[in-house]
C-alpha atoms as a PDB file:
ATOM      1  CA  UNK A   1     131.310  75.772  63.407  1.00  0.00           C
ATOM      2  CA  UNK A   2     129.694  73.440  60.728  1.00  0.00           C
ATOM      3  CA  UNK A   3     131.946  74.926  57.979  1.00  0.00           C
ATOM      4  CA  UNK A   4     134.946  74.346  60.265  1.00  0.00           C
ATOM      5  CA  UNK A   5     133.962  70.786  60.773  1.00  0.00           C
ATOM      6  CA  UNK A   6     133.641  70.170  56.906  1.00  0.00           C
ATOM      7  CA  UNK A   7     136.971  71.576  56.332  1.00  0.00           C
ATOM      8  CA  UNK A   8     138.529  69.305  59.012  1.00  0.00           C
ATOM      9  CA  UNK A   9     137.467  66.295  56.820  1.00  0.00           C
ATOM     10  CA  UNK A  10     139.506  67.680  54.113  1.00  0.00           C
ATOM     11  CA  UNK A  11     143.103  66.272  53.967  1.00  0.00           C
ATOM     12  CA  UNK A  12     145.722  68.866  55.198  1.00  0.00           C
ATOM     13  CA  UNK A  13     147.759  68.553  52.211  1.00  0.00           C
ATOM     14  CA  UNK A  14     144.840  69.553  50.139  1.00  0.00           C
ATOM     15  CA  UNK A  15     144.230  72.526  52.349  1.00  0.00           C
ATOM     16  CA  UNK A  16     147.826  73.816  52.160  1.00  0.00           C
ATOM     17  CA  UNK A  17     148.069  73.235  48.436  1.00  0.00           C
ATOM     18  CA  UNK A  18     144.985  75.358  47.790  1.00  0.00           C
ATOM     19  CA  UNK A  19     146.315  78.043  50.329  1.00  0.00           C
ATOM     20  CA  UNK A  20     149.620  78.033  48.470  1.00  0.00           C
ATOM     21  CA  UNK A  21     148.185  78.716  45.124  1.00  0.00           C
ATOM     22  CA  UNK A  22     145.976  81.350  46.720  1.00  0.00           C
ATOM     23  CA  UNK A  23     148.587  83.123  48.612  1.00  0.00           C
ATOM     24  CA  UNK A  24     151.401  83.238  45.939  1.00  0.00           C
ATOM     25  CA  UNK A  25     149.165  84.527  43.174  1.00  0.00           C
ATOM     26  CA  UNK A  26     147.761  87.057  45.399  1.00  0.00           C
ATOM     27  CA  UNK A  27     151.522  88.082  46.235  1.00  0.00           C
ATOM     28  CA  UNK A  28     152.164  88.341  42.654  1.00  0.00           C
ATOM     29  CA  UNK A  29     149.185  90.640  42.216  1.00  0.00           C
ATOM     30  CA  UNK A  30     150.338  92.836  45.279  1.00  0.00           C
ATOM     31  CA  UNK A  31     153.312  93.749  43.487  1.00  0.00           C
ATOM     32  CA  UNK A  32     151.218  95.731  41.026  1.00  0.00           C
ATOM     33  CA  UNK A  33     150.135  98.062  43.932  1.00  0.00           C
ATOM     34  CA  UNK A  34     153.828  98.941  44.953  1.00  0.00           C
ATOM     35  CA  UNK A  35     154.345 101.790  42.515  1.00  0.00           C
ATOM     36  CA  UNK A  36     151.079 103.335  43.889  1.00  0.00           C
ATOM     37  CA  UNK A  37     151.352 102.823  47.548  1.00  0.00           C
ATOM     38  CA  UNK A  38     154.571 101.124  48.324  1.00  0.00           C
ATOM     39  CA  UNK A  39     155.152  97.584  49.898  1.00  0.00           C
ATOM     40  CA  UNK A  40     153.768  98.817  53.280  1.00  0.00           C
ATOM     41  CA  UNK A  41     150.782 100.407  51.804  1.00  0.00           C
ATOM     42  CA  UNK A  42     149.971  97.172  49.914  1.00  0.00           C
ATOM     43  CA  UNK A  43     150.304  95.211  53.307  1.00  0.00           C
ATOM     44  CA  UNK A  44     148.279  97.647  55.203  1.00  0.00           C
ATOM     45  CA  UNK A  45     145.362  97.538  52.423  1.00  0.00           C
ATOM     46  CA  UNK A  46     145.602  93.709  52.519  1.00  0.00           C
ATOM     47  CA  UNK A  47     145.445  93.364  56.339  1.00  0.00           C
ATOM     48  CA  UNK A  48     142.784  95.946  56.954  1.00  0.00           C
ATOM     49  CA  UNK A  49     140.307  94.755  54.140  1.00  0.00           C
ATOM     50  CA  UNK A  50     141.151  91.162  55.315  1.00  0.00           C
ATOM     51  CA  UNK A  51     140.128  91.942  58.939  1.00  0.00           C
ATOM     52  CA  UNK A  52     136.904  93.745  57.741  1.00  0.00           C
ATOM     53  CA  UNK A  53     135.990  90.697  55.531  1.00  0.00           C
ATOM     54  CA  UNK A  54     136.711  88.082  58.228  1.00  0.00           C
ATOM     55  CA  UNK A  55     134.884  90.048  61.021  1.00  0.00           C
ATOM     56  CA  UNK A  56     131.883  90.369  58.531  1.00  0.00           C
ATOM     57  CA  UNK A  57     131.990  86.654  57.835  1.00  0.00           C
ATOM     58  CA  UNK A  58     132.164  85.736  61.627  1.00  0.00           C
ATOM     59  CA  UNK A  59     129.168  87.998  62.474  1.00  0.00           C
ATOM     60  CA  UNK A  60     127.027  86.822  59.420  1.00  0.00           C
ATOM     61  CA  UNK A  61     127.765  83.050  60.483  1.00  0.00           C
ATOM     62  CA  UNK A  62     126.769  83.467  64.096  1.00  0.00           C
ATOM     63  CA  UNK A  63     126.140  87.100  65.221  1.00  0.00           C
ATOM     64  CA  UNK A  64     125.548  86.171  68.891  1.00  0.00           C
ATOM     65  CA  UNK A  65     128.143  83.525  69.565  1.00  0.00           C
ATOM     66  CA  UNK A  66     130.946  84.419  67.209  1.00  0.00           C
ATOM     67  CA  UNK A  67     133.059  86.344  69.821  1.00  0.00           C
ATOM     68  CA  UNK A  68     131.173  85.048  72.934  1.00  0.00           C
ATOM     69  CA  UNK A  69     132.977  83.347  76.000  1.00  0.00           C
ATOM     70  CA  UNK A  70     136.503  84.313  74.613  1.00  0.00           C
ATOM     71  CA  UNK A  71     138.937  84.367  77.383  1.00  0.00           C
ATOM     72  CA  UNK A  72     141.527  86.848  77.847  1.00  0.00           C
ATOM     73  CA  UNK A  73     144.443  84.429  77.943  1.00  0.00           C
ATOM     74  CA  UNK A  74     143.315  83.117  74.595  1.00  0.00           C
ATOM     75  CA  UNK A  75     142.927  86.659  73.129  1.00  0.00           C
ATOM     76  CA  UNK A  76     146.637  87.144  73.922  1.00  0.00           C
ATOM     77  CA  UNK A  77     147.516  84.205  71.831  1.00  0.00           C
ATOM     78  CA  UNK A  78     145.408  85.580  68.922  1.00  0.00           C
ATOM     79  CA  UNK A  79     147.195  89.019  69.189  1.00  0.00           C
ATOM     80  CA  UNK A  80     150.587  87.482  69.212  1.00  0.00           C
ATOM     81  CA  UNK A  81     149.579  85.642  66.060  1.00  0.00           C
ATOM     82  CA  UNK A  82     148.647  88.969  64.695  1.00  0.00           C
ATOM     83  CA  UNK A  83     152.153  90.546  65.464  1.00  0.00           C
ATOM     84  CA  UNK A  84     153.636  87.435  63.757  1.00  0.00           C
ATOM     85  CA  UNK A  85     151.501  88.078  60.549  1.00  0.00           C
ATOM     86  CA  UNK A  86     152.361  91.768  60.522  1.00  0.00           C
ATOM     87  CA  UNK A  87     156.030  91.049  60.717  1.00  0.00           C
ATOM     88  CA  UNK A  88     155.896  88.351  58.187  1.00  0.00           C
ATOM     89  CA  UNK A  89     153.990  90.011  55.615  1.00  0.00           C
ATOM     90  CA  UNK A  90     155.761  93.470  55.864  1.00  0.00           C
ATOM     91  CA  UNK A  91     159.216  91.946  55.548  1.00  0.00           C
ATOM     92  CA  UNK A  92     157.968  89.695  52.590  1.00  0.00           C
ATOM     93  CA  UNK A  93     156.439  92.582  50.715  1.00  0.00           C
ATOM     94  CA  UNK A  94     159.644  94.532  51.123  1.00  0.00           C
ATOM     95  CA  UNK A  95     161.686  91.455  49.818  1.00  0.00           C
ATOM     96  CA  UNK A  96     159.553  90.888  46.720  1.00  0.00           C
ATOM     97  CA  UNK A  97     159.938  94.770  46.008  1.00  0.00           C
ATOM     98  CA  UNK A  98     163.762  93.719  45.507  1.00  0.00           C
ATOM     99  CA  UNK A  99     163.902  90.280  44.296  1.00  0.00           C
ATOM    100  CA  UNK A 100     161.805  87.763  42.181  1.00  0.00           C
ATOM    101  CA  UNK A 101     158.757  86.251  43.940  1.00  0.00           C
ATOM    102  CA  UNK A 102     160.079  82.613  43.575  1.00  0.00           C
ATOM    103  CA  UNK A 103     163.418  83.467  44.932  1.00  0.00           C
ATOM    104  CA  UNK A 104     161.929  85.387  47.879  1.00  0.00           C
ATOM    105  CA  UNK A 105     159.589  82.477  48.871  1.00  0.00           C
ATOM    106  CA  UNK A 106     162.440  79.962  48.497  1.00  0.00           C
ATOM    107  CA  UNK A 107     164.590  81.991  51.066  1.00  0.00           C
ATOM    108  CA  UNK A 108     161.528  82.588  53.135  1.00  0.00           C
ATOM    109  CA  UNK A 109     161.114  78.912  53.305  1.00  0.00           C
ATOM    110  CA  UNK A 110     164.107  78.590  55.493  1.00  0.00           C
ATOM    111  CA  UNK A 111     161.762  79.162  58.390  1.00  0.00           C
ATOM    112  CA  UNK A 112     159.472  76.340  57.890  1.00  0.00           C
ATOM    113  CA  UNK A 113     162.505  74.309  56.856  1.00  0.00           C
ATOM    114  CA  UNK A 114     164.366  74.971  60.296  1.00  0.00           C
ATOM    115  CA  UNK A 115     161.002  74.052  62.080  1.00  0.00           C
ATOM    116  CA  UNK A 116     160.870  70.716  60.201  1.00  0.00           C
ATOM    117  CA  UNK A 117     164.679  69.856  60.916  1.00  0.00           C
ATOM    118  CA  UNK A 118     164.376  70.830  64.656  1.00  0.00           C
ATOM    119  CA  UNK A 119     161.126  68.750  64.946  1.00  0.00           C
ATOM    120  CA  UNK A 120     162.403  65.812  63.224  1.00  0.00           C
ATOM    121  CA  UNK A 121     163.390  62.534  64.853  1.00  0.00           C
ATOM    122  CA  UNK A 122     164.225  60.417  61.801  1.00  0.00           C
ATOM    123  CA  UNK A 123     167.378  60.469  59.932  1.00  0.00           C
ATOM    124  CA  UNK A 124     165.489  60.543  56.576  1.00  0.00           C
ATOM    125  CA  UNK A 125     163.507  63.624  57.536  1.00  0.00           C
ATOM    126  CA  UNK A 126     166.678  65.242  58.383  1.00  0.00           C
ATOM    127  CA  UNK A 127     168.071  64.341  55.000  1.00  0.00           C
ATOM    128  CA  UNK A 128     165.224  65.902  53.172  1.00  0.00           C
ATOM    129  CA  UNK A 129     165.368  69.133  55.078  1.00  0.00           C
ATOM    130  CA  UNK A 130     169.108  69.332  54.595  1.00  0.00           C
ATOM    131  CA  UNK A 131     168.486  68.888  50.810  1.00  0.00           C
ATOM    132  CA  UNK A 132     166.034  71.789  50.970  1.00  0.00           C
ATOM    133  CA  UNK A 133     168.363  73.698  52.981  1.00  0.00           C
ATOM    134  CA  UNK A 134     171.131  73.198  50.126  1.00  0.00           C
ATOM    135  CA  UNK A 135     168.719  75.035  47.744  1.00  0.00           C
ATOM    136  CA  UNK A 136     168.118  77.828  50.129  1.00  0.00           C
ATOM    137  CA  UNK A 137     171.793  78.229  50.658  1.00  0.00           C
ATOM    138  CA  UNK A 138     172.321  78.263  46.802  1.00  0.00           C
ATOM    139  CA  UNK A 139     170.089  81.315  46.288  1.00  0.00           C
ATOM    140  CA  UNK A 140     171.624  83.200  49.440  1.00  0.00           C
ATOM    141  CA  UNK A 141     175.122  82.584  47.763  1.00  0.00           C
ATOM    142  CA  UNK A 142     173.555  84.523  44.633  1.00  0.00           C
ATOM    143  CA  UNK A 143     173.981  87.909  46.527  1.00  0.00           C
ATOM    144  CA  UNK A 144     176.143  90.065  44.361  1.00  0.00           C
ATOM    145  CA  UNK A 145     175.232  88.197  41.220  1.00  0.00           C
ATOM    146  CA  UNK A 146     172.171  89.939  40.405  1.00  0.00           C
ATOM    147  CA  UNK A 147     170.256  89.366  43.683  1.00  0.00           C
ATOM    148  CA  UNK A 148     169.690  92.326  46.023  1.00  0.00           C
ATOM    149  CA  UNK A 149     171.237  91.499  49.382  1.00  0.00           C
ATOM    150  CA  UNK A 150     168.701  93.513  51.278  1.00  0.00           C
ATOM    151  CA  UNK A 151     165.891  91.528  49.472  1.00  0.00           C
ATOM    152  CA  UNK A 152     167.537  88.267  50.647  1.00  0.00           C
ATOM    153  CA  UNK A 153     167.795  89.466  54.055  1.00  0.00           C
ATOM    154  CA  UNK A 154     164.338  90.615  54.309  1.00  0.00           C
ATOM    155  CA  UNK A 155     163.061  87.397  52.902  1.00  0.00           C
ATOM    156  CA  UNK A 156     165.037  85.642  55.597  1.00  0.00           C
ATOM    157  CA  UNK A 157     163.254  87.743  58.201  1.00  0.00           C
ATOM    158  CA  UNK A 158     160.055  86.615  56.706  1.00  0.00           C
ATOM    159  CA  UNK A 159     161.232  83.120  57.228  1.00  0.00           C
ATOM    160  CA  UNK A 160     161.574  83.783  60.942  1.00  0.00           C
ATOM    161  CA  UNK A 161     158.140  85.309  61.047  1.00  0.00           C
ATOM    162  CA  UNK A 162     156.941  82.147  59.246  1.00  0.00           C
ATOM    163  CA  UNK A 163     157.992  80.077  62.226  1.00  0.00           C
ATOM    164  CA  UNK A 164     156.211  82.451  64.782  1.00  0.00           C
ATOM    165  CA  UNK A 165     153.098  82.144  62.178  1.00  0.00           C
ATOM    166  CA  UNK A 166     153.226  78.227  62.097  1.00  0.00           C
ATOM    167  CA  UNK A 167     153.373  77.980  66.093  1.00  0.00           C
ATOM    168  CA  UNK A 168     150.898  80.580  66.826  1.00  0.00           C
ATOM    169  CA  UNK A 169     148.524  79.761  64.111  1.00  0.00           C
ATOM    170  CA  UNK A 170     148.452  76.211  65.562  1.00  0.00           C
ATOM    171  CA  UNK A 171     147.891  77.419  69.054  1.00  0.00           C
ATOM    172  CA  UNK A 172     145.149  79.826  67.808  1.00  0.00           C
ATOM    173  CA  UNK A 173     143.351  77.122  65.949  1.00  0.00           C
ATOM    174  CA  UNK A 174     143.364  75.141  69.045  1.00  0.00           C
ATOM    175  CA  UNK A 175     141.756  77.855  71.148  1.00  0.00           C
ATOM    176  CA  UNK A 176     139.258  79.248  68.752  1.00  0.00           C
ATOM    177  CA  UNK A 177     136.999  78.408  65.978  1.00  0.00           C
ATOM    178  CA  UNK A 178     138.797  79.508  62.675  1.00  0.00           C
ATOM    179  CA  UNK A 179     136.954  82.716  62.013  1.00  0.00           C
ATOM    180  CA  UNK A 180     137.014  84.429  65.585  1.00  0.00           C
ATOM    181  CA  UNK A 181     140.594  83.669  66.200  1.00  0.00           C
ATOM    182  CA  UNK A 182     141.876  84.621  62.637  1.00  0.00           C
ATOM    183  CA  UNK A 183     139.838  87.912  62.860  1.00  0.00           C
ATOM    184  CA  UNK A 184     141.300  88.937  66.085  1.00  0.00           C
ATOM    185  CA  UNK A 185     144.756  88.109  64.708  1.00  0.00           C
ATOM    186  CA  UNK A 186     144.183  89.988  61.617  1.00  0.00           C
ATOM    187  CA  UNK A 187     142.953  93.122  63.424  1.00  0.00           C
ATOM    188  CA  UNK A 188     146.028  93.226  65.491  1.00  0.00           C
ATOM    189  CA  UNK A 189     148.095  92.795  62.465  1.00  0.00           C
ATOM    190  CA  UNK A 190     146.151  95.742  60.655  1.00  0.00           C
ATOM    191  CA  UNK A 191     146.546  98.140  63.496  1.00  0.00           C
ATOM    192  CA  UNK A 192     150.316  97.585  63.762  1.00  0.00           C
ATOM    193  CA  UNK A 193     151.006  97.885  59.990  1.00  0.00           C
ATOM    194  CA  UNK A 194     148.462 100.759  59.235  1.00  0.00           C
ATOM    195  CA  UNK A 195     150.527 103.723  60.465  1.00  0.00           C
ATOM    196  CA  UNK A 196     153.612 102.746  58.105  1.00  0.00           C
ATOM    197  CA  UNK A 197     150.790 102.014  55.260  1.00  0.00           C
ATOM    198  CA  UNK A 198     149.326 105.490  55.716  1.00  0.00           C
ATOM    199  CA  UNK A 199     152.798 107.079  55.643  1.00  0.00           C
ATOM    200  CA  UNK A 200     153.691 105.354  52.293  1.00  0.00           C
ATOM    201  CA  UNK A 201     150.375 105.417  50.491  1.00  0.00           C
ATOM    202  CA  UNK A 202     148.513 108.460  51.764  1.00  0.00           C
ATOM    203  CA  UNK A 203     145.545 109.462  49.994  1.00  0.00           C
ATOM    204  CA  UNK A 204     146.267 106.883  47.191  1.00  0.00           C
ATOM    205  CA  UNK A 205     145.082 104.140  49.510  1.00  0.00           C
ATOM    206  CA  UNK A 206     141.466 105.233  48.771  1.00  0.00           C
ATOM    207  CA  UNK A 207     141.801 105.364  44.997  1.00  0.00           C
ATOM    208  CA  UNK A 208     139.018 102.914  43.809  1.00  0.00           C
ATOM    209  CA  UNK A 209     141.366 101.089  41.418  1.00  0.00           C
ATOM    210  CA  UNK A 210     143.767 100.498  44.408  1.00  0.00           C
ATOM    211  CA  UNK A 211     140.957  99.636  46.765  1.00  0.00           C
ATOM    212  CA  UNK A 212     139.709  96.965  44.198  1.00  0.00           C
ATOM    213  CA  UNK A 213     143.058  95.331  43.643  1.00  0.00           C
ATOM    214  CA  UNK A 214     143.806  95.569  47.397  1.00  0.00           C
ATOM    215  CA  UNK A 215     140.519  93.697  48.216  1.00  0.00           C
ATOM    216  CA  UNK A 216     141.439  90.968  45.549  1.00  0.00           C
ATOM    217  CA  UNK A 217     144.813  90.485  47.183  1.00  0.00           C
ATOM    218  CA  UNK A 218     143.264  90.469  50.703  1.00  0.00           C
ATOM    219  CA  UNK A 219     140.909  87.575  49.842  1.00  0.00           C
ATOM    220  CA  UNK A 220     143.688  85.664  47.763  1.00  0.00           C
ATOM    221  CA  UNK A 221     146.584  86.404  50.279  1.00  0.00           C
ATOM    222  CA  UNK A 222     144.963  86.388  53.727  1.00  0.00           C
ATOM    223  CA  UNK A 223     141.373  85.384  53.869  1.00  0.00           C
ATOM    224  CA  UNK A 224     141.471  82.033  51.939  1.00  0.00           C
ATOM    225  CA  UNK A 225     145.058  80.747  52.774  1.00  0.00           C
ATOM    226  CA  UNK A 226     145.029  81.638  56.542  1.00  0.00           C
ATOM    227  CA  UNK A 227     141.595  80.136  57.056  1.00  0.00           C
ATOM    228  CA  UNK A 228     142.707  77.009  55.242  1.00  0.00           C
ATOM    229  CA  UNK A 229     145.975  76.721  57.136  1.00  0.00           C
ATOM    230  CA  UNK A 230     144.331  77.276  60.498  1.00  0.00           C
ATOM    231  CA  UNK A 231     142.212  74.326  59.940  1.00  0.00           C
ATOM    232  CA  UNK A 232     145.163  72.177  58.409  1.00  0.00           C
ATOM    233  CA  UNK A 233     147.265  72.791  61.496  1.00  0.00           C
ATOM    234  CA  UNK A 234     144.479  71.000  63.517  1.00  0.00           C
ATOM    235  CA  UNK A 235     145.358  67.718  61.702  1.00  0.00           C
ATOM    236  CA  UNK A 236     149.067  67.700  61.665  1.00  0.00           C
ATOM    237  CA  UNK A 237     152.151  68.667  63.743  1.00  0.00           C
ATOM    238  CA  UNK A 238     154.012  72.039  63.389  1.00  0.00           C
ATOM    239  CA  UNK A 239     156.828  70.018  61.760  1.00  0.00           C
ATOM    240  CA  UNK A 240     154.753  68.194  59.202  1.00  0.00           C
ATOM    241  CA  UNK A 241     153.016  71.436  58.277  1.00  0.00           C
ATOM    242  CA  UNK A 242     156.419  73.079  57.733  1.00  0.00           C
ATOM    243  CA  UNK A 243     157.319  70.533  55.240  1.00  0.00           C
ATOM    244  CA  UNK A 244     154.052  70.661  53.379  1.00  0.00           C
ATOM    245  CA  UNK A 245     154.765  74.440  52.901  1.00  0.00           C
ATOM    246  CA  UNK A 246     157.777  73.666  50.763  1.00  0.00           C
ATOM    247  CA  UNK A 247     155.107  73.547  47.864  1.00  0.00           C
ATOM    248  CA  UNK A 248     155.199  77.306  48.066  1.00  0.00           C
ATOM    249  CA  UNK A 249     158.391  78.009  46.242  1.00  0.00           C
ATOM    250  CA  UNK A 250     157.301  76.242  43.137  1.00  0.00           C
ATOM    251  CA  UNK A 251     153.827  77.868  43.292  1.00  0.00           C
ATOM    252  CA  UNK A 252     155.435  81.313  43.804  1.00  0.00           C
ATOM    253  CA  UNK A 253     157.720  80.720  40.688  1.00  0.00           C
ATOM    254  CA  UNK A 254     154.605  79.866  38.587  1.00  0.00           C
ATOM    255  CA  UNK A 255     152.860  82.879  39.663  1.00  0.00           C
ATOM    256  CA  UNK A 256     155.972  85.170  39.247  1.00  0.00           C
ATOM    257  CA  UNK A 257     156.253  83.850  35.671  1.00  0.00           C
ATOM    258  CA  UNK A 258     152.660  83.893  34.817  1.00  0.00           C
ATOM    259  CA  UNK A 259     151.707  87.330  36.210  1.00  0.00           C
ATOM    260  CA  UNK A 260     154.952  89.237  36.507  1.00  0.00           C
ATOM    261  CA  UNK A 261     156.914  87.558  33.635  1.00  0.00           C
ATOM    262  CA  UNK A 262     159.775  86.889  36.063  1.00  0.00           C
ATOM    263  CA  UNK A 263     162.521  84.376  34.760  1.00  0.00           C
ATOM    264  CA  UNK A 264     164.823  82.572  36.958  1.00  0.00           C
ATOM    265  CA  UNK A 265     168.468  82.009  36.156  1.00  0.00           C
ATOM    266  CA  UNK A 266     170.019  78.327  36.161  1.00  0.00           C
ATOM    267  CA  UNK A 267     171.163  78.873  39.558  1.00  0.00           C
ATOM    268  CA  UNK A 268     167.733  79.827  40.870  1.00  0.00           C
ATOM    269  CA  UNK A 269     166.125  76.868  38.945  1.00  0.00           C
ATOM    270  CA  UNK A 270     168.525  74.430  40.569  1.00  0.00           C
ATOM    271  CA  UNK A 271     167.920  75.745  43.917  1.00  0.00           C
ATOM    272  CA  UNK A 272     164.237  75.719  43.409  1.00  0.00           C
ATOM    273  CA  UNK A 273     164.525  72.000  42.141  1.00  0.00           C
ATOM    274  CA  UNK A 274     166.426  70.948  45.493  1.00  0.00           C
ATOM    275  CA  UNK A 275     163.551  72.415  47.567  1.00  0.00           C
ATOM    276  CA  UNK A 276     160.796  70.805  45.498  1.00  0.00           C
ATOM    277  CA  UNK A 277     162.710  67.357  45.392  1.00  0.00           C
ATOM    278  CA  UNK A 278     163.070  67.545  49.200  1.00  0.00           C
ATOM    279  CA  UNK A 279     159.338  68.060  49.440  1.00  0.00           C
ATOM    280  CA  UNK A 280     158.526  65.209  47.073  1.00  0.00           C
ATOM    281  CA  UNK A 281     160.956  62.840  48.818  1.00  0.00           C
ATOM    282  CA  UNK A 282     159.574  63.559  52.251  1.00  0.00           C
ATOM    283  CA  UNK A 283     156.074  63.028  50.879  1.00  0.00           C
ATOM    284  CA  UNK A 284     156.853  59.738  49.410  1.00  0.00           C
ATOM    285  CA  UNK A 285     158.715  58.627  52.548  1.00  0.00           C
ATOM    286  CA  UNK A 286     155.602  59.367  54.496  1.00  0.00           C
ATOM    287  CA  UNK A 287     156.262  62.042  56.912  1.00  0.00           C
ATOM    288  CA  UNK A 288     154.770  61.400  60.537  1.00  0.00           C
ATOM    289  CA  UNK A 289     152.989  63.916  62.312  1.00  0.00           C
ATOM    290  CA  UNK A 290     149.213  63.616  61.559  1.00  0.00           C
ATOM    291  CA  UNK A 291     147.064  63.956  64.395  1.00  0.00           C
ATOM    292  CA  UNK A 292     143.444  63.205  65.026  1.00  0.00           C
ATOM    293  CA  UNK A 293     140.790  65.800  64.847  1.00  0.00           C
ATOM    294  CA  UNK A 294     137.801  66.452  66.883  1.00  0.00           C
ATOM    295  CA  UNK A 295     134.992  64.774  65.273  1.00  0.00           C
END
């Protein structure tokens, strides 16, 4: 509990920023698994290893109390959170197998963008959301111009999963300490994805090199960012959190360039600039939505 309280004193934007860097560079590394075990195999490795790591951390921190006193109705929320994680991650990995990472994340951001727009009560908030939406629409219009339509569609599905992730992550964080709640969710996600992962990767999932890279991806893409975001959602509203996540397209583009050598077209750079400008404008304008945390 003390570690959760320490993170609670860290500004939400800082937690989300660190999480964005971690998850996007983890996603870039995950693509290196695709030729060995496929996207679904990579997702299964990531979720299963992350679930084991989180369960171990929870037991080490407090072996007697980590999962004691959990109510069944709270467990249902964590399981639903896990199902959202499974859907979001599987569709996203299938997307980045077809289109550049930065493009996929910018399209995926349509989910948090929609949440920010629906939850907005100020005209300026709507204006920033619409600006970011223009960037997403510009990318979507690139289908047939070098961008795989299936990849764009899968990124859109991941965006819908991202909405569910934000809402259920916030509710899970309200009902649980970070580690136990996230562990239950990750176990549920791993169970759902594992059959598809085994069908895709087979015995190659147990190759030492694949396991090593899968472990790194699990820590970077699941353990670190989801833990930080669960705490961040205690401090801000779902709408404000959705706007903060618009940092992800820029970070994803940097990761795709640095690790995968993926270069964007002029159209894609303009779309990305619109999304980043919307986030900057919203930040300068001072987005409402901060909530007080339990001391």
